[in-house]
Amino acid sequence: MEDKKDEVEKVSKTWSGAWQIAAVYVGTVVGAGFATGKEIVEFFTQYGTFGTMGVIVSGGLFTWGGMRMMVMARALRSSSYKQLNDYLFGKSASIVITIVMTMMVIGVTAVMLSGAGALFEEQLGLSKRVGMFVTLFLLFAVMLYDRKGLFTVNVLVVPLMLLFSFVLLGKIAIAEKWCVISSVPNHSWRALFSPFSYAAFNLAMAQTVLVPLATEAADERTVKRGALIGGVILTLILLSSHFVLLSFPYVLHYDIPMAEIVHTSFVSLHWLYLLIIYGEIFTSLIGGVFGLRRQFHFVSSSLFFVVVVVLLYAVSSFRYSALLSFLYPLFGYISLLFLFLLALRKIPQS
């Protein structure tokens, strides 16, 4: 009887740990660009039907790539993304790659902060600087609790995002606005490479958080289940958001198109969605800083946060949409090599 009880508790802990990893995975990827719709438009919606096929391809890569990356990191006992890069790229090249990826993480995290400022400015009518300072204060408060704070915020925000995506998609379907109007399809070579560069970019960025979490997880089964759940949730949110954006005629004109859709068509849900968007921006911001902290663990906490705040504030002072449109595709192409080597390298025997 006692053995059966222990087995039940073990299974329960495995699923609980898997959900926490999945929530962090989703929360890290669903940042400013994803949650606001701008990133989805940039990589998928502007390509029409080709974009829909791209969403499905990216979803598969998220599930497979996230699982492979975390299992590999666990086998290597990597405490930071540099150790995983050492294995993928070789120690000599890894130094350069890690520097580039660190710059990418800082750039993307700055985009998150800029997105928070854009939300305050565009949707609340407040100063962008006010939004950024409020976000930095909350970031500091949550990071005092380290991994516990990371888990708590993501476990609260991710289910709300998933639920809201389905509610919004359902309302549009009921209102018979299902993909009635779309942007002009763009059949350029970018439409073909977008799902791969998008998945590669997000996997490369997510490794800063997922690598240490995978190593610290209870067992490999927990890691695999977490990656599977996270990949499926990401696919569902991405697909539902893409269909909603296809139904909006002016989707290319806004920094935060999803919020504008809600404000235009579903006024009663507007404030709730703004809260969810902010939550997703915040989870991605926390993920980036958490990964950087693990990488620079040898630096004192006070110095680390001062340097990070100064860097993030300096970069995020640029216009949010300009940052996203320039940095994200660029980082996506750089990350393709990461995705290729992730598929090429064998998982070492732990």
Protein backbone atom coordinates (compact mmCIF):
# COMPACT_ATOMS: atom_id res chain seq x y z
CA MET A 1 0.00 0.00 0.00
CA GLU A 2 2.83 2.34 0.94
CA ASP A 3 4.67 1.55 -2.32
CA LYS A 4 1.56 2.39 -4.33
CA LYS A 5 1.17 5.69 -2.51
CA ASP A 6 4.81 6.56 -3.19
CA GLU A 7 4.35 5.71 -6.87
CA VAL A 8 1.29 7.99 -7.11
CA GLU A 9 3.21 10.83 -5.47
CA LYS A 10 6.13 10.29 -7.85
CA VAL A 11 3.85 10.40 -10.90
CA SER A 12 2.15 13.51 -9.54
CA LYS A 13 5.50 15.25 -9.04
CA THR A 14 6.58 14.27 -12.55
CA TRP A 15 3.50 15.82 -14.14
CA SER A 16 3.71 18.87 -11.88
CA GLY A 17 7.36 19.39 -12.83
CA ALA A 18 6.51 18.83 -16.51
CA TRP A 19 3.80 21.49 -16.39
CA GLN A 20 6.17 23.97 -14.75
CA ILE A 21 8.77 23.40 -17.48
CA ALA A 22 6.07 23.65 -20.17
CA ALA A 23 4.77 26.92 -18.68
CA VAL A 24 8.26 28.43 -18.62
CA TYR A 25 8.86 27.24 -22.21
CA VAL A 26 5.63 28.85 -23.42
CA GLY A 27 6.11 31.97 -21.32
CA THR A 28 9.64 32.48 -22.66
CA VAL A 29 8.62 32.14 -26.32
CA VAL A 30 5.33 34.03 -26.06
CA GLY A 31 6.88 37.41 -25.47
CA ALA A 32 6.16 40.91 -26.70
CA GLY A 33 6.07 40.08 -30.41
CA PHE A 34 4.10 36.83 -30.10
CA ALA A 35 1.49 37.94 -27.56
CA THR A 36 0.87 41.29 -29.22
CA GLY A 37 0.59 39.68 -32.65
CA LYS A 38 3.39 41.71 -34.24
CA GLU A 39 5.80 38.78 -34.34
CA ILE A 40 3.18 36.44 -35.82
CA VAL A 41 2.39 38.97 -38.55
CA GLU A 42 6.11 39.39 -39.31
CA PHE A 43 6.79 35.66 -39.72
CA PHE A 44 3.44 34.17 -40.81
CA THR A 45 0.28 36.23 -41.29
CA GLN A 46 1.67 38.49 -44.00
CA TYR A 47 2.21 35.36 -46.14
CA GLY A 48 -1.46 34.28 -46.13
CA THR A 49 -1.95 30.53 -46.78
CA PHE A 50 1.80 29.96 -46.83
CA GLY A 51 1.88 31.45 -43.35
CA THR A 52 -0.69 28.92 -42.11
CA MET A 53 1.46 26.03 -43.32
CA GLY A 54 4.44 27.73 -41.73
CA VAL A 55 2.69 27.81 -38.34
CA ILE A 56 2.24 24.02 -38.43
CA VAL A 57 5.89 23.48 -39.39
CA SER A 58 7.07 25.78 -36.58
CA GLY A 59 4.83 23.99 -34.09
CA GLY A 60 6.41 20.66 -34.95
CA LEU A 61 9.90 22.14 -34.63
CA PHE A 62 9.04 23.61 -31.23
CA THR A 63 7.93 20.23 -29.92
CA TRP A 64 10.81 18.22 -31.38
CA GLY A 65 13.51 20.85 -30.88
CA GLY A 66 12.56 21.76 -27.32
CA MET A 67 12.59 18.11 -26.27
CA ARG A 68 15.88 17.33 -28.00
CA MET A 69 17.59 20.43 -26.62
CA MET A 70 16.55 19.75 -23.02
CA VAL A 71 17.37 16.04 -23.11
CA MET A 72 20.78 16.90 -24.60
CA ALA A 73 21.41 19.57 -21.95
CA ARG A 74 20.47 17.15 -19.20
CA ALA A 75 22.78 14.45 -20.58
CA LEU A 76 25.61 17.01 -20.67
CA ARG A 77 24.69 18.29 -17.17
CA SER A 78 24.80 21.84 -18.56
CA SER A 79 24.21 24.57 -16.00
CA SER A 80 24.19 27.31 -18.66
CA TYR A 81 23.71 27.68 -22.40
CA LYS A 82 27.48 28.08 -22.97
CA GLN A 83 28.05 24.44 -22.02
CA LEU A 84 25.46 23.29 -24.53
CA ASN A 85 27.06 25.52 -27.19
CA ASP A 86 30.45 23.96 -26.40
CA TYR A 87 29.03 20.59 -27.42
CA LEU A 88 27.10 21.82 -30.47
CA PHE A 89 29.67 24.17 -31.99
CA GLY A 90 32.94 22.97 -30.45
CA LYS A 91 34.79 24.87 -27.72
CA SER A 92 36.71 27.18 -30.04
CA ALA A 93 33.70 28.36 -32.03
CA SER A 94 31.50 28.27 -28.93
CA ILE A 95 33.21 31.34 -27.48
CA VAL A 96 32.13 33.47 -30.44
CA ILE A 97 28.68 31.84 -30.65
CA THR A 98 28.02 32.37 -26.93
CA ILE A 99 28.98 36.05 -27.21
CA VAL A 100 26.65 36.46 -30.20
CA MET A 101 23.82 34.62 -28.44
CA THR A 102 24.31 36.68 -25.29
CA MET A 103 23.97 39.81 -27.40
CA MET A 104 20.86 38.29 -28.97
CA VAL A 105 19.35 37.54 -25.56
CA ILE A 106 20.04 41.09 -24.41
CA GLY A 107 18.56 42.46 -27.64
CA VAL A 108 15.42 40.31 -27.43
CA THR A 109 14.97 41.04 -23.72
CA ALA A 110 15.25 44.73 -24.55
CA VAL A 111 12.51 44.23 -27.15
CA MET A 112 10.34 42.79 -24.34
CA LEU A 113 10.94 45.88 -22.24
CA SER A 114 10.25 48.13 -25.22
CA GLY A 115 7.04 46.17 -25.82
CA ALA A 116 5.92 46.85 -22.26
CA GLY A 117 6.58 50.54 -22.81
CA ALA A 118 4.68 50.46 -26.12
CA LEU A 119 1.72 48.83 -24.35
CA PHE A 120 1.56 51.62 -21.77
CA GLU A 121 1.94 54.28 -24.47
CA GLU A 122 -0.30 52.93 -27.25
CA GLN A 123 -3.07 51.33 -25.19
CA LEU A 124 -3.08 53.22 -21.86
CA GLY A 125 -2.03 56.69 -23.04
CA LEU A 126 0.86 56.83 -20.55
CA SER A 127 4.53 57.56 -21.09
CA LYS A 128 6.64 54.74 -22.51
CA ARG A 129 9.26 55.43 -19.83
CA VAL A 130 6.66 54.95 -17.08
CA GLY A 131 5.82 51.51 -18.48
CA MET A 132 9.48 50.55 -18.68
CA PHE A 133 10.29 51.67 -15.12
CA VAL A 134 7.25 49.87 -13.68
CA THR A 135 8.27 46.71 -15.53
CA LEU A 136 11.88 46.91 -14.33
CA PHE A 137 10.69 47.30 -10.74
CA LEU A 138 8.44 44.23 -11.01
CA LEU A 139 11.26 42.31 -12.70
CA PHE A 140 13.61 43.02 -9.81
CA ALA A 141 10.96 41.96 -7.26
CA VAL A 142 10.28 38.62 -8.99
CA MET A 143 13.96 37.81 -9.58
CA LEU A 144 14.59 38.02 -5.84
CA TYR A 145 12.85 34.62 -5.69
CA ASP A 146 14.95 33.20 -8.58
CA ARG A 147 13.52 29.93 -10.00
CA LYS A 148 10.48 29.97 -7.72
CA GLY A 149 9.52 33.41 -9.01
CA LEU A 150 10.06 32.26 -12.62
CA PHE A 151 7.76 29.24 -12.15
CA THR A 152 5.06 31.15 -10.27
CA VAL A 153 4.59 33.91 -12.85
CA ASN A 154 4.52 31.52 -15.81
CA VAL A 155 2.18 28.99 -14.19
CA LEU A 156 -0.31 31.81 -13.55
CA VAL A 157 -0.09 33.59 -16.91
CA VAL A 158 0.18 30.76 -19.49
CA PRO A 159 -3.23 29.09 -18.82
CA LEU A 160 -4.93 32.49 -19.11
CA MET A 161 -3.23 33.13 -22.46
CA LEU A 162 -4.29 29.74 -23.82
CA LEU A 163 -7.88 30.19 -22.66
CA PHE A 164 -8.12 33.70 -24.05
CA SER A 165 -6.74 32.65 -27.45
CA PHE A 166 -9.52 30.07 -27.81
CA VAL A 167 -12.20 32.48 -26.57
CA LEU A 168 -11.16 35.13 -29.10
CA LEU A 169 -10.95 32.61 -31.94
CA GLY A 170 -14.37 31.20 -30.99
CA LYS A 171 -15.98 34.65 -30.95
CA ILE A 172 -14.60 35.47 -34.40
CA ALA A 173 -15.83 32.13 -35.76
CA ILE A 174 -19.31 32.68 -34.29
CA ALA A 175 -19.39 36.21 -35.70
CA GLU A 176 -18.56 34.70 -39.14
CA LYS A 177 -15.38 36.72 -39.47
CA TRP A 178 -13.24 33.59 -39.89
CA CYS A 179 -10.37 34.68 -42.16
CA VAL A 180 -12.71 36.90 -44.19
CA ILE A 181 -10.02 39.47 -44.91
CA SER A 182 -6.31 38.84 -45.02
CA SER A 183 -3.22 40.76 -45.95
CA VAL A 184 -1.89 40.33 -49.47
CA PRO A 185 0.00 37.00 -49.57
CA ASN A 186 3.71 37.36 -50.11
CA HIS A 187 5.15 34.37 -51.95
CA SER A 188 8.78 35.42 -51.70
CA TRP A 189 11.59 33.10 -50.54
CA ARG A 190 11.09 34.49 -47.03
CA ALA A 191 7.74 32.70 -46.77
CA LEU A 192 9.59 29.39 -47.19
CA PHE A 193 12.29 30.09 -44.62
CA SER A 194 10.15 31.93 -42.06
CA PRO A 195 8.91 28.88 -40.08
CA PHE A 196 12.46 27.52 -39.78
CA SER A 197 14.08 30.84 -38.86
CA TYR A 198 11.25 31.58 -36.42
CA ALA A 199 11.52 28.22 -34.63
CA ALA A 200 15.33 28.34 -34.69
CA PHE A 201 15.39 31.83 -33.24
CA ASN A 202 12.96 31.04 -30.42
CA LEU A 203 14.66 27.75 -29.57
CA ALA A 204 18.03 29.49 -29.44
CA MET A 205 16.61 32.16 -27.14
CA ALA A 206 14.70 29.67 -24.99
CA GLN A 207 17.85 27.64 -24.35
CA THR A 208 19.04 30.30 -21.90
CA VAL A 209 16.19 29.26 -19.60
CA LEU A 210 15.46 25.65 -20.62
CA VAL A 211 19.06 24.38 -20.40
CA PRO A 212 19.49 25.04 -16.64
CA LEU A 213 15.90 23.98 -15.93
CA ALA A 214 16.39 20.67 -17.73
CA THR A 215 19.55 19.95 -15.76
CA GLU A 216 17.82 20.79 -12.47
CA ALA A 217 14.67 18.75 -13.29
CA ALA A 218 13.80 15.59 -11.33
CA ASP A 219 14.30 13.16 -14.22
CA GLU A 220 14.38 12.84 -18.02
CA ARG A 221 10.71 11.84 -18.22
CA THR A 222 9.72 15.15 -16.63
CA VAL A 223 11.82 17.02 -19.20
CA LYS A 224 10.32 15.15 -22.16
CA ARG A 225 6.76 15.66 -20.97
CA GLY A 226 7.42 19.34 -20.31
CA ALA A 227 8.78 19.84 -23.83
CA LEU A 228 5.84 17.95 -25.37
CA ILE A 229 3.21 19.90 -23.44
CA GLY A 230 4.99 23.19 -24.12
CA GLY A 231 5.33 22.50 -27.85
CA VAL A 232 1.65 21.59 -28.21
CA ILE A 233 0.48 24.68 -26.29
CA LEU A 234 2.74 26.92 -28.37
CA THR A 235 1.32 25.44 -31.58
CA LEU A 236 -2.27 25.95 -30.43
CA ILE A 237 -1.73 29.56 -29.34
CA LEU A 238 0.24 30.38 -32.49
CA LEU A 239 -2.35 28.83 -34.80
CA SER A 240 -5.37 30.46 -33.12
CA SER A 241 -3.66 33.88 -33.02
CA HIS A 242 -2.69 33.56 -36.70
CA PHE A 243 -6.31 32.88 -37.73
CA VAL A 244 -7.54 35.83 -35.68
CA LEU A 245 -4.96 38.14 -37.27
CA LEU A 246 -5.91 36.97 -40.77
CA SER A 247 -9.41 38.31 -40.11
CA PHE A 248 -8.23 41.86 -39.45
CA PRO A 249 -7.87 44.16 -42.52
CA TYR A 250 -5.31 46.57 -41.04
CA VAL A 251 -3.07 44.06 -39.31
CA LEU A 252 0.15 45.56 -40.69
CA HIS A 253 -0.57 49.05 -39.35
CA TYR A 254 -0.26 48.51 -35.58
CA ASP A 255 2.52 47.82 -33.07
CA ILE A 256 0.05 45.73 -31.05
CA PRO A 257 -2.48 44.38 -33.60
CA MET A 258 -4.05 41.77 -31.29
CA ALA A 259 -4.95 44.43 -28.73
CA GLU A 260 -6.42 46.58 -31.50
CA ILE A 261 -8.56 43.65 -32.71
CA VAL A 262 -9.92 43.12 -29.21
CA HIS A 263 -10.47 46.85 -28.75
CA THR A 264 -12.32 47.09 -32.09
CA SER A 265 -14.42 43.94 -32.00
CA PHE A 266 -14.62 42.85 -28.34
CA VAL A 267 -14.53 45.95 -26.17
CA SER A 268 -15.59 44.04 -23.03
CA LEU A 269 -12.45 41.88 -23.23
CA HIS A 270 -10.00 44.67 -23.99
CA TRP A 271 -8.66 45.31 -20.49
CA LEU A 272 -8.37 41.61 -19.74
CA TYR A 273 -6.37 41.04 -22.89
CA LEU A 274 -4.05 43.96 -22.15
CA LEU A 275 -3.34 42.36 -18.79
CA ILE A 276 -2.58 39.01 -20.45
CA ILE A 277 -0.34 40.65 -23.06
CA TYR A 278 1.58 42.40 -20.31
CA GLY A 279 1.88 39.13 -18.42
CA GLU A 280 3.34 37.38 -21.46
CA ILE A 281 5.77 40.20 -22.13
CA PHE A 282 6.81 40.00 -18.50
CA THR A 283 7.32 36.22 -18.51
CA SER A 284 9.60 36.47 -21.52
CA LEU A 285 11.52 39.32 -19.91
CA ILE A 286 12.00 37.25 -16.74
CA GLY A 287 13.15 34.28 -18.81
CA GLY A 288 15.82 36.31 -20.57
CA VAL A 289 17.19 37.80 -17.35
CA PHE A 290 17.04 34.42 -15.58
CA GLY A 291 19.12 32.84 -18.36
CA LEU A 292 21.65 35.67 -18.28
CA ARG A 293 21.94 35.36 -14.51
CA ARG A 294 22.71 31.64 -14.83
CA GLN A 295 25.35 32.39 -17.47
CA PHE A 296 27.02 35.14 -15.38
CA HIS A 297 26.65 33.42 -12.02
CA PHE A 298 30.19 34.51 -11.05
CA VAL A 299 29.16 38.20 -11.04
CA SER A 300 27.65 39.67 -7.87
CA SER A 301 23.86 40.09 -7.95
CA SER A 302 23.93 43.85 -7.43
CA LEU A 303 26.45 44.47 -10.24
CA PHE A 304 24.59 42.08 -12.55
CA PHE A 305 21.25 43.84 -12.15
CA VAL A 306 22.76 47.32 -12.54
CA VAL A 307 24.49 46.36 -15.80
CA VAL A 308 21.43 44.53 -17.14
CA VAL A 309 19.06 47.41 -16.33
CA VAL A 310 21.35 49.97 -18.03
CA LEU A 311 21.75 47.79 -21.15
CA LEU A 312 18.06 46.96 -21.43
CA TYR A 313 16.99 50.55 -20.95
CA ALA A 314 19.48 51.84 -23.54
CA VAL A 315 18.46 49.36 -26.26
CA SER A 316 14.73 49.46 -25.52
CA SER A 317 14.62 53.25 -25.95
CA PHE A 318 14.25 52.64 -29.70
CA ARG A 319 10.79 52.19 -31.21
CA TYR A 320 9.39 48.74 -30.42
CA SER A 321 8.11 47.85 -33.89
CA ALA A 322 11.41 48.96 -35.51
CA LEU A 323 13.40 46.83 -33.08
CA LEU A 324 11.24 43.76 -33.69
CA SER A 325 11.15 44.08 -37.48
CA PHE A 326 14.94 44.42 -37.71
CA LEU A 327 16.25 42.21 -34.90
CA TYR A 328 13.91 39.20 -35.02
CA PRO A 329 14.41 38.15 -38.67
CA LEU A 330 18.17 38.79 -38.34
CA PHE A 331 18.42 36.66 -35.20
CA GLY A 332 16.26 34.02 -36.89
CA TYR A 333 18.74 33.50 -39.71
CA ILE A 334 21.68 33.40 -37.28
CA SER A 335 19.85 30.75 -35.23
CA LEU A 336 19.38 28.43 -38.22
CA LEU A 337 22.89 27.09 -37.63
CA PHE A 338 21.90 26.31 -34.04
CA LEU A 339 18.86 24.34 -35.23
CA PHE A 340 20.93 22.45 -37.82
CA LEU A 341 23.55 21.38 -35.26
CA LEU A 342 20.85 20.48 -32.75
CA ALA A 343 19.54 17.97 -35.30
CA LEU A 344 23.02 16.82 -36.35
CA ARG A 345 24.67 16.15 -32.97
CA LYS A 346 23.96 12.92 -31.16
CA ILE A 347 22.60 13.03 -27.61
CA PRO A 348 25.48 11.88 -25.40
CA GLN A 349 25.03 8.95 -23.04
CA SER A 350 24.40 10.32 -19.57
